Protein backbone atom coordinates (compact mmCIF):
# COMPACT_ATOMS: atom_id res chain seq x y z
CA MET A 1 137.17 174.46 165.72
CA LYS A 2 136.01 172.45 162.66
CA LYS A 3 134.83 169.43 164.83
CA PHE A 4 132.78 171.69 166.95
CA ARG A 5 130.78 172.99 164.22
CA SER A 6 129.80 169.71 163.37
CA ILE A 7 128.47 168.95 166.95
CA GLN A 8 126.56 171.67 166.89
CA LEU A 9 125.00 171.03 163.72
CA ALA A 10 124.35 167.19 164.56
CA CYS A 11 123.20 167.24 168.08
CA LEU A 12 120.84 170.71 167.37
CA PHE A 13 119.14 168.98 164.38
CA LEU A 14 118.19 165.72 166.33
CA CYS A 15 116.77 168.01 168.93
CA LEU A 16 114.34 169.79 166.01
CA ILE A 17 112.93 166.38 165.02
CA CYS A 18 111.17 166.43 168.24
CA PHE A 19 109.92 169.93 167.47
CA PHE A 20 108.60 169.05 163.91
CA LEU A 21 106.13 166.21 165.69
CA SER A 22 104.39 168.77 168.02
CA GLY A 23 102.18 172.05 167.66
CA CYS A 24 100.69 174.76 169.37
CA SER A 25 96.73 175.08 169.60
CA SER A 26 96.25 178.43 167.95
CA LYS A 27 98.14 180.72 165.51
CA SER A 28 101.00 182.86 167.40
CA LYS A 29 103.07 185.60 165.86
CA PRO A 30 106.34 184.31 164.17
CA GLU A 31 108.47 186.11 166.83
CA GLU A 32 106.92 184.00 169.57
CA ASP A 33 107.35 180.55 167.58
CA ILE A 34 110.98 181.15 166.39
CA LEU A 35 111.93 182.32 170.02
CA SER A 36 110.51 179.28 171.58
CA VAL A 37 112.48 177.31 169.16
CA CYS A 38 115.58 179.47 170.13
CA LYS A 39 115.06 178.81 173.86
CA ILE A 40 114.66 175.03 173.31
CA ILE A 41 117.56 174.70 171.68
CA LEU A 42 119.97 176.96 173.18
CA GLN A 43 118.47 176.39 177.03
CA GLN A 44 116.20 173.46 176.91
CA ASP A 45 113.75 176.25 178.38
CA LYS A 46 111.24 174.38 180.08
CA ASP A 47 108.53 176.65 179.59
CA SER A 48 108.96 176.67 175.91
CA ALA A 49 109.53 173.05 175.53
CA SER A 50 106.07 172.33 177.54
CA LYS A 51 104.64 174.67 174.88
CA PHE A 52 105.53 172.01 172.13
CA ASP A 53 105.00 169.05 174.63
CA LEU A 54 108.70 168.12 175.03
CA ASN A 55 110.83 166.88 178.06
CA PRO A 56 113.56 169.16 178.58
CA LYS A 57 115.70 165.94 179.90
CA ASP A 58 115.31 164.42 176.52
CA LEU A 59 116.76 167.51 174.90
CA HIS A 60 119.40 167.78 177.21
CA ASP A 61 120.40 164.05 176.92
CA VAL A 62 120.31 164.55 173.01
CA LEU A 63 122.86 167.46 173.08
CA LEU A 64 125.19 165.60 175.96
CA ASN A 65 125.36 162.72 173.59
CA GLY A 66 126.40 164.87 170.41
CA PHE A 67 128.89 166.45 172.55
CA THR A 68 130.57 163.37 174.44
CA LYS A 69 130.65 161.27 171.08
CA GLN A 70 133.17 163.39 169.49
CA PHE A 71 135.43 162.27 172.67
CA GLY A 72 134.53 158.80 172.62
CA ASP A 73 137.12 157.38 170.66
CA SER A 74 139.82 159.59 172.14
CA VAL A 75 142.11 159.63 175.53
CA PHE A 76 139.27 160.98 177.31
CA SER A 77 137.50 158.56 179.34
CA LYS A 78 133.55 158.83 179.36
CA GLU A 79 133.50 160.73 182.65
CA GLN A 80 135.76 163.39 181.30
CA ALA A 81 133.78 163.85 178.07
CA THR A 82 130.57 164.22 180.01
CA ARG A 83 132.10 166.94 181.66
CA MET A 84 133.21 168.92 178.87
CA GLY A 85 129.69 167.93 177.31
CA GLU A 86 127.98 169.52 179.93
CA ALA A 87 130.19 172.61 179.82
CA PHE A 88 129.15 173.01 176.30
CA ILE A 89 125.29 172.71 177.23
CA ASN A 90 125.86 175.25 179.95
CA THR A 91 127.35 177.76 178.02
CA LEU A 92 124.70 177.57 175.49
CA LYS A 93 122.37 178.28 178.12
CA LYS A 94 124.20 181.77 178.97
CA ALA A 95 123.64 183.03 175.22
CA LYS A 96 120.86 185.63 175.30
CA VAL A 97 118.38 185.93 172.64
CA SER A 98 115.41 188.12 171.36
CA ALA A 99 113.33 188.25 168.37
CA LYS A 100 111.18 190.43 166.50
CA THR A 101 109.05 189.96 163.44
CA ILE A 102 109.97 192.46 160.43
CA SER A 103 107.71 191.25 157.92
CA GLU A 104 104.84 188.95 157.75
CA ASP A 105 102.54 188.22 154.32
CA GLY A 106 100.11 185.40 155.00
CA ASP A 107 102.07 181.96 155.39
CA LYS A 108 105.26 183.69 155.20
CA ALA A 109 107.26 185.85 157.59
CA GLU A 110 110.85 187.02 158.43
CA VAL A 111 112.09 187.19 162.24
CA GLU A 112 115.41 188.88 163.33
CA LEU A 113 116.85 187.46 165.97
CA THR A 114 119.34 189.58 168.29
CA ILE A 115 122.03 186.99 169.71
CA THR A 116 124.42 187.90 172.60
CA PRO A 117 126.85 185.05 172.35
CA ILE A 118 129.55 183.66 174.18
CA ASP A 119 133.24 183.44 172.57
CA LEU A 120 134.14 180.20 172.62
CA LYS A 121 136.39 180.87 169.65
CA ALA A 122 138.75 183.13 171.49
CA ALA A 123 138.45 180.60 174.78
CA LEU A 124 139.32 177.96 172.84
CA ASP A 125 141.93 178.75 170.38
CA ASP A 126 145.44 177.27 170.53
CA LYS A 127 147.17 180.22 171.86
CA ALA A 128 144.43 180.38 174.69
CA LEU A 129 144.69 176.47 175.46
CA ASN A 130 148.83 176.37 175.39
CA LYS A 131 148.74 179.09 177.86
CA ALA A 132 146.41 177.47 180.31
CA LEU A 133 148.42 174.31 179.33
CA GLU A 134 151.74 176.04 180.32
CA LYS A 135 150.47 177.41 183.72
CA LYS A 136 149.70 173.82 184.61
CA GLY A 137 153.45 173.34 184.93
CA LEU A 138 153.40 169.65 182.95
CA SER A 139 156.69 167.49 184.02
CA PRO A 140 158.13 164.86 181.80
CA ASN A 141 156.90 162.11 183.80
CA THR A 142 153.18 163.11 183.18
CA THR A 143 151.35 160.22 181.82
CA GLU A 144 148.96 160.17 179.52
CA LYS A 145 146.27 159.55 181.72
CA GLU A 146 147.23 162.29 183.78
CA LEU A 147 147.54 164.82 180.82
CA ALA A 148 143.93 163.57 179.83
CA GLU A 149 142.60 164.70 183.00
CA ILE A 150 144.58 168.24 183.30
CA VAL A 151 143.33 168.96 179.33
CA THR A 152 139.67 168.13 180.60
CA GLN A 153 140.23 170.56 183.34
CA ILE A 154 141.48 173.01 181.23
CA MET A 155 138.61 173.04 178.51
CA VAL A 156 135.96 172.74 181.04
CA GLU A 157 137.58 175.93 182.86
CA GLN A 158 138.23 177.57 179.43
CA ILE A 159 134.57 176.64 178.33
CA ASN A 160 132.81 177.95 181.74
CA ASN A 161 134.94 181.48 181.85
CA ALA A 162 134.22 182.47 178.44
CA SER A 163 133.15 185.92 177.78
CA PRO A 164 130.03 187.21 176.06
CA ALA A 165 130.91 188.97 172.88
CA GLY A 166 129.07 191.69 171.18
CA ASP A 167 125.39 191.31 169.91
CA LYS A 168 124.88 189.74 166.37
CA LYS A 169 121.57 189.82 164.14
CA ILE A 170 120.41 187.00 162.18
CA LYS A 171 117.28 186.85 159.98
CA VAL A 172 114.98 184.06 159.65
CA PRO A 173 112.87 183.29 156.92
CA CYS A 174 110.02 181.19 158.21
CA THR A 175 106.78 179.34 157.03
CA TYR A 176 103.34 178.86 158.95
CA ASN A 177 102.54 175.31 158.74
CA GLU A 178 99.04 174.81 159.18
CA LYS A 179 98.86 171.43 159.86
CA GLU A 180 101.09 171.74 162.98
CA LYS A 181 99.99 175.06 164.20
CA VAL A 182 103.14 176.58 164.40
CA TRP A 183 105.69 179.03 162.48
CA MET A 184 109.11 177.10 161.49
CA PRO A 185 112.31 178.04 160.05
CA ASN A 186 112.04 177.50 156.15
CA ASP A 187 115.59 175.81 156.37
CA MET A 188 115.35 173.91 159.71
CA GLU A 189 119.06 172.30 159.15
CA GLN A 190 120.83 175.83 157.97
CA PHE A 191 118.71 177.69 161.00
CA SER A 192 120.11 175.14 163.45
CA GLU A 193 124.10 175.24 162.47
CA GLN A 194 123.81 179.22 162.27
CA LEU A 195 121.95 179.57 165.67
CA ALA A 196 124.65 177.36 167.09
CA LEU A 197 127.71 178.90 165.42
CA THR A 198 126.57 182.39 166.33
CA ALA A 199 125.72 181.69 170.13
CA LEU A 200 129.05 180.32 170.56
CA CYS A 201 130.83 182.29 168.24
CA LEU A 202 132.40 179.30 166.23
């Protein structure tokens, strides 16, 4: 699962570069801005994206590119990699998140996120994948191309059918950026990684 960890970190951090370049017109509550960031990352939420003058399609394309690149040098075709990438993106959207400000002092605050994640760790562990592969009843004559398609189907099915896990909480130290007029996590890279791994139980 290590490569999925790197996928999340790389593509989500790219999305947040756009976020740094945008701002709100007035000071809002820390929980509102941090929740908007979460919704942009996890769901490419249209309303949240418009708040920061972002195009959800652009964010989707960045995420999809981050996922599909991981399969670019493998036996999977571009079309197969895209299908798996779309499955990951759709699963991110299923993770639920809420936020509340637990402390605020001047331009410093701490927000607590409550996340109901999707358990991809269980869906994509070796036993689950091997069990699904056995059900396909492979023959000795199965070609590499055929096997790639079968594995693609299994991956997409496992990802799409993954179940929600129990709620998890993470705390996000944040600072109000006076120039951009927005609350942002103190460590955007760490926040991106933590949010993605928590949302997908990776």
